[in-house]
Amino acid sequence: MDLNLNSYEKAAGKGPGALLWKVFLLMLTASIVLGITGYALGWFGEAAQVAKEEFGPRAMLDKYEWFINQANSVEKMDRDVTLYENRVKSIEQQYAGYGKNMAQWPPHIQVQYNREKQQAREDLIAVASQRNNLVRDYNSQSEKFNWKLFQTDPRKPKERFHEYLY
């Protein structure tokens, strides 16, 4: 027997079944290696896609604009809260002419005052609640590592509500 024969020639010398078995094992090994490589590259491809979606130029612009819009909305709601606070105070001033002792007011004026004051307080609480929802969203997004970079103001707005529960 010749020692310079490669393994295929040796397998061919043992018969066609041995050669087919050798080719099958080679194909199986190649497909396993290619499958593992493809799977690993798929992970890298997916990671690159996620990075593009979260940190790409469009995503960065969207996140920056979201923070700008949310900050502007919170500022607007702060102005609205101030308007509703002033409304509550103006009702008190409007009825101040009847005196400090409400028991001496005419009954229909007492009812009207209580109704207007209650409505003004409910409106104030509703606006403050809407503002607090915006603040919660802003603060929640600013805690995420992939959004924190785009926060326009490092100071987070505070929620306001407890001062209206009197």
C-alpha atoms as a PDB file:
ATOM      1  CA  MET A   1       0.000   0.000   0.000  1.00  0.00           C
ATOM      2  CA  ASP A   2       1.210   3.472  -0.885  1.00  0.00           C
ATOM      3  CA  LEU A   3       1.662   5.830   2.081  1.00  0.00           C
ATOM      4  CA  ASN A   4       1.333   8.983  -0.079  1.00  0.00           C
ATOM      5  CA  LEU A   5      -2.357   8.444  -0.751  1.00  0.00           C
ATOM      6  CA  ASN A   6      -4.678  11.020   0.748  1.00  0.00           C
ATOM      7  CA  SER A   7      -7.630   9.999   2.893  1.00  0.00           C
ATOM      8  CA  TYR A   8     -10.076  10.077  -0.044  1.00  0.00           C
ATOM      9  CA  GLU A   9      -8.005   7.666  -2.043  1.00  0.00           C
ATOM     10  CA  LYS A  10      -7.743   5.446   1.005  1.00  0.00           C
ATOM     11  CA  ALA A  11     -11.512   5.615   1.507  1.00  0.00           C
ATOM     12  CA  ALA A  12     -12.056   4.907  -2.194  1.00  0.00           C
ATOM     13  CA  GLY A  13      -9.794   1.908  -1.823  1.00  0.00           C
ATOM     14  CA  LYS A  14     -12.065   0.618   0.951  1.00  0.00           C
ATOM     15  CA  GLY A  15     -15.127   0.859  -1.266  1.00  0.00           C
ATOM     16  CA  PRO A  16     -17.753   3.428  -2.300  1.00  0.00           C
ATOM     17  CA  GLY A  17     -19.570   3.290   1.074  1.00  0.00           C
ATOM     18  CA  ALA A  18     -16.475   4.489   2.923  1.00  0.00           C
ATOM     19  CA  LEU A  19     -16.021   7.348   0.454  1.00  0.00           C
ATOM     20  CA  LEU A  20     -19.653   8.405   0.792  1.00  0.00           C
ATOM     21  CA  TRP A  21     -19.377   8.240   4.589  1.00  0.00           C
ATOM     22  CA  LYS A  22     -16.284  10.447   4.487  1.00  0.00           C
ATOM     23  CA  VAL A  23     -18.008  13.010   2.207  1.00  0.00           C
ATOM     24  CA  PHE A  24     -21.115  12.963   4.456  1.00  0.00           C
ATOM     25  CA  LEU A  25     -19.042  13.685   7.573  1.00  0.00           C
ATOM     26  CA  LEU A  26     -17.208  16.485   5.769  1.00  0.00           C
ATOM     27  CA  MET A  27     -20.508  18.061   4.620  1.00  0.00           C
ATOM     28  CA  LEU A  28     -22.027  17.655   8.101  1.00  0.00           C
ATOM     29  CA  THR A  29     -19.001  19.309   9.738  1.00  0.00           C
ATOM     30  CA  ALA A  30     -19.051  22.154   7.189  1.00  0.00           C
ATOM     31  CA  SER A  31     -22.788  22.774   7.663  1.00  0.00           C
ATOM     32  CA  ILE A  32     -22.432  22.798  11.473  1.00  0.00           C
ATOM     33  CA  VAL A  33     -19.532  25.257  11.283  1.00  0.00           C
ATOM     34  CA  LEU A  34     -21.380  27.468   8.794  1.00  0.00           C
ATOM     35  CA  GLY A  35     -24.574  27.297  10.887  1.00  0.00           C
ATOM     36  CA  ILE A  36     -22.793  28.344  14.061  1.00  0.00           C
ATOM     37  CA  THR A  37     -20.987  31.126  12.200  1.00  0.00           C
ATOM     38  CA  GLY A  38     -24.234  32.344  10.628  1.00  0.00           C
ATOM     39  CA  TYR A  39     -26.007  32.291  13.978  1.00  0.00           C
ATOM     40  CA  ALA A  40     -23.206  34.279  15.622  1.00  0.00           C
ATOM     41  CA  LEU A  41     -23.173  36.801  12.782  1.00  0.00           C
ATOM     42  CA  GLY A  42     -26.943  37.120  13.099  1.00  0.00           C
ATOM     43  CA  TRP A  43     -26.485  38.223  16.706  1.00  0.00           C
ATOM     44  CA  PHE A  44     -24.004  40.851  15.608  1.00  0.00           C
ATOM     45  CA  GLY A  45     -26.342  41.977  12.843  1.00  0.00           C
ATOM     46  CA  GLU A  46     -29.265  42.266  15.224  1.00  0.00           C
ATOM     47  CA  ALA A  47     -27.137  44.154  17.742  1.00  0.00           C
ATOM     48  CA  ALA A  48     -26.088  46.566  15.011  1.00  0.00           C
ATOM     49  CA  GLN A  49     -29.734  47.027  13.988  1.00  0.00           C
ATOM     50  CA  VAL A  50     -30.794  47.782  17.572  1.00  0.00           C
ATOM     51  CA  ALA A  51     -27.911  50.246  17.973  1.00  0.00           C
ATOM     52  CA  LYS A  52     -28.969  51.962  14.760  1.00  0.00           C
ATOM     53  CA  GLU A  53     -32.599  52.159  15.887  1.00  0.00           C
ATOM     54  CA  GLU A  54     -31.710  53.572  19.315  1.00  0.00           C
ATOM     55  CA  PHE A  55     -28.678  55.748  18.550  1.00  0.00           C
ATOM     56  CA  GLY A  56     -28.969  56.504  14.845  1.00  0.00           C
ATOM     57  CA  PRO A  57     -29.365  60.107  13.658  1.00  0.00           C
ATOM     58  CA  ARG A  58     -33.152  59.839  13.222  1.00  0.00           C
ATOM     59  CA  ALA A  59     -33.603  58.277  16.669  1.00  0.00           C
ATOM     60  CA  MET A  60     -31.383  60.922  18.266  1.00  0.00           C
ATOM     61  CA  LEU A  61     -33.359  63.717  16.625  1.00  0.00           C
ATOM     62  CA  ASP A  62     -36.687  62.155  17.641  1.00  0.00           C
ATOM     63  CA  LYS A  63     -35.590  61.793  21.259  1.00  0.00           C
ATOM     64  CA  TYR A  64     -34.203  65.334  21.402  1.00  0.00           C
ATOM     65  CA  GLU A  65     -37.425  66.721  19.914  1.00  0.00           C
ATOM     66  CA  TRP A  66     -39.495  64.656  22.350  1.00  0.00           C
ATOM     67  CA  PHE A  67     -37.659  66.216  25.321  1.00  0.00           C
ATOM     68  CA  ILE A  68     -38.080  69.721  23.858  1.00  0.00           C
ATOM     69  CA  ASN A  69     -41.799  69.173  23.269  1.00  0.00           C
ATOM     70  CA  GLN A  70     -42.321  67.635  26.693  1.00  0.00           C
ATOM     71  CA  ALA A  71     -40.423  70.454  28.448  1.00  0.00           C
ATOM     72  CA  ASN A  72     -42.515  73.028  26.559  1.00  0.00           C
ATOM     73  CA  SER A  73     -45.694  71.183  27.524  1.00  0.00           C
ATOM     74  CA  VAL A  74     -44.681  71.156  31.190  1.00  0.00           C
ATOM     75  CA  GLU A  75     -43.964  74.907  31.037  1.00  0.00           C
ATOM     76  CA  LYS A  76     -47.371  75.533  29.459  1.00  0.00           C
ATOM     77  CA  MET A  77     -49.066  73.437  32.121  1.00  0.00           C
ATOM     78  CA  ASP A  78     -47.195  75.413  34.801  1.00  0.00           C
ATOM     79  CA  ARG A  79     -48.699  78.602  33.345  1.00  0.00           C
ATOM     80  CA  ASP A  80     -52.137  76.947  33.289  1.00  0.00           C
ATOM     81  CA  VAL A  81     -51.780  75.913  36.926  1.00  0.00           C
ATOM     82  CA  THR A  82     -50.923  79.509  37.799  1.00  0.00           C
ATOM     83  CA  LEU A  83     -54.024  80.714  35.949  1.00  0.00           C
ATOM     84  CA  TYR A  84     -56.242  78.287  37.839  1.00  0.00           C
ATOM     85  CA  GLU A  85     -54.624  79.230  41.154  1.00  0.00           C
ATOM     86  CA  ASN A  86     -55.393  82.868  40.363  1.00  0.00           C
ATOM     87  CA  ARG A  87     -58.956  81.891  39.498  1.00  0.00           C
ATOM     88  CA  VAL A  88     -59.410  80.337  42.956  1.00  0.00           C
ATOM     89  CA  LYS A  89     -58.015  83.505  44.576  1.00  0.00           C
ATOM     90  CA  SER A  90     -60.186  85.777  42.432  1.00  0.00           C
ATOM     91  CA  ILE A  91     -63.333  83.942  43.567  1.00  0.00           C
ATOM     92  CA  GLU A  92     -62.344  84.572  47.177  1.00  0.00           C
ATOM     93  CA  GLN A  93     -61.724  88.250  46.396  1.00  0.00           C
ATOM     94  CA  GLN A  94     -64.978  88.525  44.459  1.00  0.00           C
ATOM     95  CA  TYR A  95     -67.000  87.416  47.470  1.00  0.00           C
ATOM     96  CA  ALA A  96     -64.908  89.311  50.058  1.00  0.00           C
ATOM     97  CA  GLY A  97     -67.417  92.159  49.945  1.00  0.00           C
ATOM     98  CA  TYR A  98     -69.950  89.993  51.750  1.00  0.00           C
ATOM     99  CA  GLY A  99     -67.730  89.853  54.834  1.00  0.00           C
ATOM    100  CA  LYS A 100     -65.489  87.273  56.456  1.00  0.00           C
ATOM    101  CA  ASN A 101     -68.249  85.429  58.283  1.00  0.00           C
ATOM    102  CA  MET A 102     -69.967  83.243  55.692  1.00  0.00           C
ATOM    103  CA  ALA A 103     -72.763  82.444  58.130  1.00  0.00           C
ATOM    104  CA  GLN A 104     -74.040  85.998  57.670  1.00  0.00           C
ATOM    105  CA  TRP A 105     -74.107  85.776  53.868  1.00  0.00           C
ATOM    106  CA  PRO A 106     -77.441  85.283  52.129  1.00  0.00           C
ATOM    107  CA  PRO A 107     -78.023  81.559  51.520  1.00  0.00           C
ATOM    108  CA  HIS A 108     -78.080  81.832  47.715  1.00  0.00           C
ATOM    109  CA  ILE A 109     -74.704  83.654  47.811  1.00  0.00           C
ATOM    110  CA  GLN A 110     -73.234  80.952  50.033  1.00  0.00           C
ATOM    111  CA  VAL A 111     -74.394  78.266  47.595  1.00  0.00           C
ATOM    112  CA  GLN A 112     -73.084  80.201  44.605  1.00  0.00           C
ATOM    113  CA  TYR A 113     -69.716  80.843  46.307  1.00  0.00           C
ATOM    114  CA  ASN A 114     -69.309  77.198  47.334  1.00  0.00           C
ATOM    115  CA  ARG A 115     -70.213  75.984  43.834  1.00  0.00           C
ATOM    116  CA  GLU A 116     -67.795  78.361  42.091  1.00  0.00           C
ATOM    117  CA  LYS A 117     -64.986  77.702  44.556  1.00  0.00           C
ATOM    118  CA  GLN A 118     -65.455  73.919  44.316  1.00  0.00           C
ATOM    119  CA  GLN A 119     -65.479  74.058  40.502  1.00  0.00           C
ATOM    120  CA  ALA A 120     -62.337  76.208  40.468  1.00  0.00           C
ATOM    121  CA  ARG A 121     -60.550  73.793  42.843  1.00  0.00           C
ATOM    122  CA  GLU A 122     -61.586  70.769  40.766  1.00  0.00           C
ATOM    123  CA  ASP A 123     -60.331  72.462  37.600  1.00  0.00           C
ATOM    124  CA  LEU A 124     -57.064  73.337  39.336  1.00  0.00           C
ATOM    125  CA  ILE A 125     -56.596  69.762  40.528  1.00  0.00           C
ATOM    126  CA  ALA A 126     -57.354  68.415  37.021  1.00  0.00           C
ATOM    127  CA  VAL A 127     -54.785  70.717  35.394  1.00  0.00           C
ATOM    128  CA  ALA A 128     -52.206  69.901  38.071  1.00  0.00           C
ATOM    129  CA  SER A 129     -52.838  66.200  37.505  1.00  0.00           C
ATOM    130  CA  GLN A 130     -52.289  66.564  33.753  1.00  0.00           C
ATOM    131  CA  ARG A 131     -49.084  68.467  34.433  1.00  0.00           C
ATOM    132  CA  ASN A 132     -47.909  65.761  36.823  1.00  0.00           C
ATOM    133  CA  ASN A 133     -48.499  63.100  34.152  1.00  0.00           C
ATOM    134  CA  LEU A 134     -46.299  65.048  31.738  1.00  0.00           C
ATOM    135  CA  VAL A 135     -43.641  65.414  34.442  1.00  0.00           C
ATOM    136  CA  ARG A 136     -43.747  61.683  35.203  1.00  0.00           C
ATOM    137  CA  ASP A 137     -43.246  60.857  31.519  1.00  0.00           C
ATOM    138  CA  TYR A 138     -40.375  63.341  31.234  1.00  0.00           C
ATOM    139  CA  ASN A 139     -38.654  62.060  34.367  1.00  0.00           C
ATOM    140  CA  SER A 140     -39.211  58.428  33.410  1.00  0.00           C
ATOM    141  CA  GLN A 141     -37.657  58.874  29.979  1.00  0.00           C
ATOM    142  CA  SER A 142     -34.755  60.857  31.395  1.00  0.00           C
ATOM    143  CA  GLU A 143     -33.826  57.870  33.571  1.00  0.00           C
ATOM    144  CA  LYS A 144     -33.373  55.551  30.577  1.00  0.00           C
ATOM    145  CA  PHE A 145     -29.746  55.284  29.547  1.00  0.00           C
ATOM    146  CA  ASN A 146     -30.559  55.564  25.844  1.00  0.00           C
ATOM    147  CA  TRP A 147     -32.663  58.713  26.373  1.00  0.00           C
ATOM    148  CA  LYS A 148     -30.627  60.498  29.060  1.00  0.00           C
ATOM    149  CA  LEU A 149     -28.216  61.895  26.468  1.00  0.00           C
ATOM    150  CA  PHE A 150     -30.973  63.962  24.880  1.00  0.00           C
ATOM    151  CA  GLN A 151     -32.454  65.514  28.003  1.00  0.00           C
ATOM    152  CA  THR A 152     -32.469  69.267  27.502  1.00  0.00           C
ATOM    153  CA  ASP A 153     -32.273  70.241  31.181  1.00  0.00           C
ATOM    154  CA  PRO A 154     -30.510  68.068  33.756  1.00  0.00           C
ATOM    155  CA  ARG A 155     -32.883  69.313  36.464  1.00  0.00           C
ATOM    156  CA  LYS A 156     -36.008  67.229  36.524  1.00  0.00           C
ATOM    157  CA  PRO A 157     -39.308  69.006  37.069  1.00  0.00           C
ATOM    158  CA  LYS A 158     -41.035  68.215  40.341  1.00  0.00           C
ATOM    159  CA  GLU A 159     -44.578  66.985  40.627  1.00  0.00           C
ATOM    160  CA  ARG A 160     -47.080  69.367  42.182  1.00  0.00           C
ATOM    161  CA  PHE A 161     -50.257  68.211  43.779  1.00  0.00           C
ATOM    162  CA  HIS A 162     -50.136  68.026  47.540  1.00  0.00           C
ATOM    163  CA  GLU A 163     -50.542  71.787  48.001  1.00  0.00           C
ATOM    164  CA  TYR A 164     -54.004  71.624  46.411  1.00  0.00           C
ATOM    165  CA  LEU A 165     -55.391  69.116  48.879  1.00  0.00           C
ATOM    166  CA  TYR A 166     -56.727  71.477  51.502  1.00  0.00           C
END
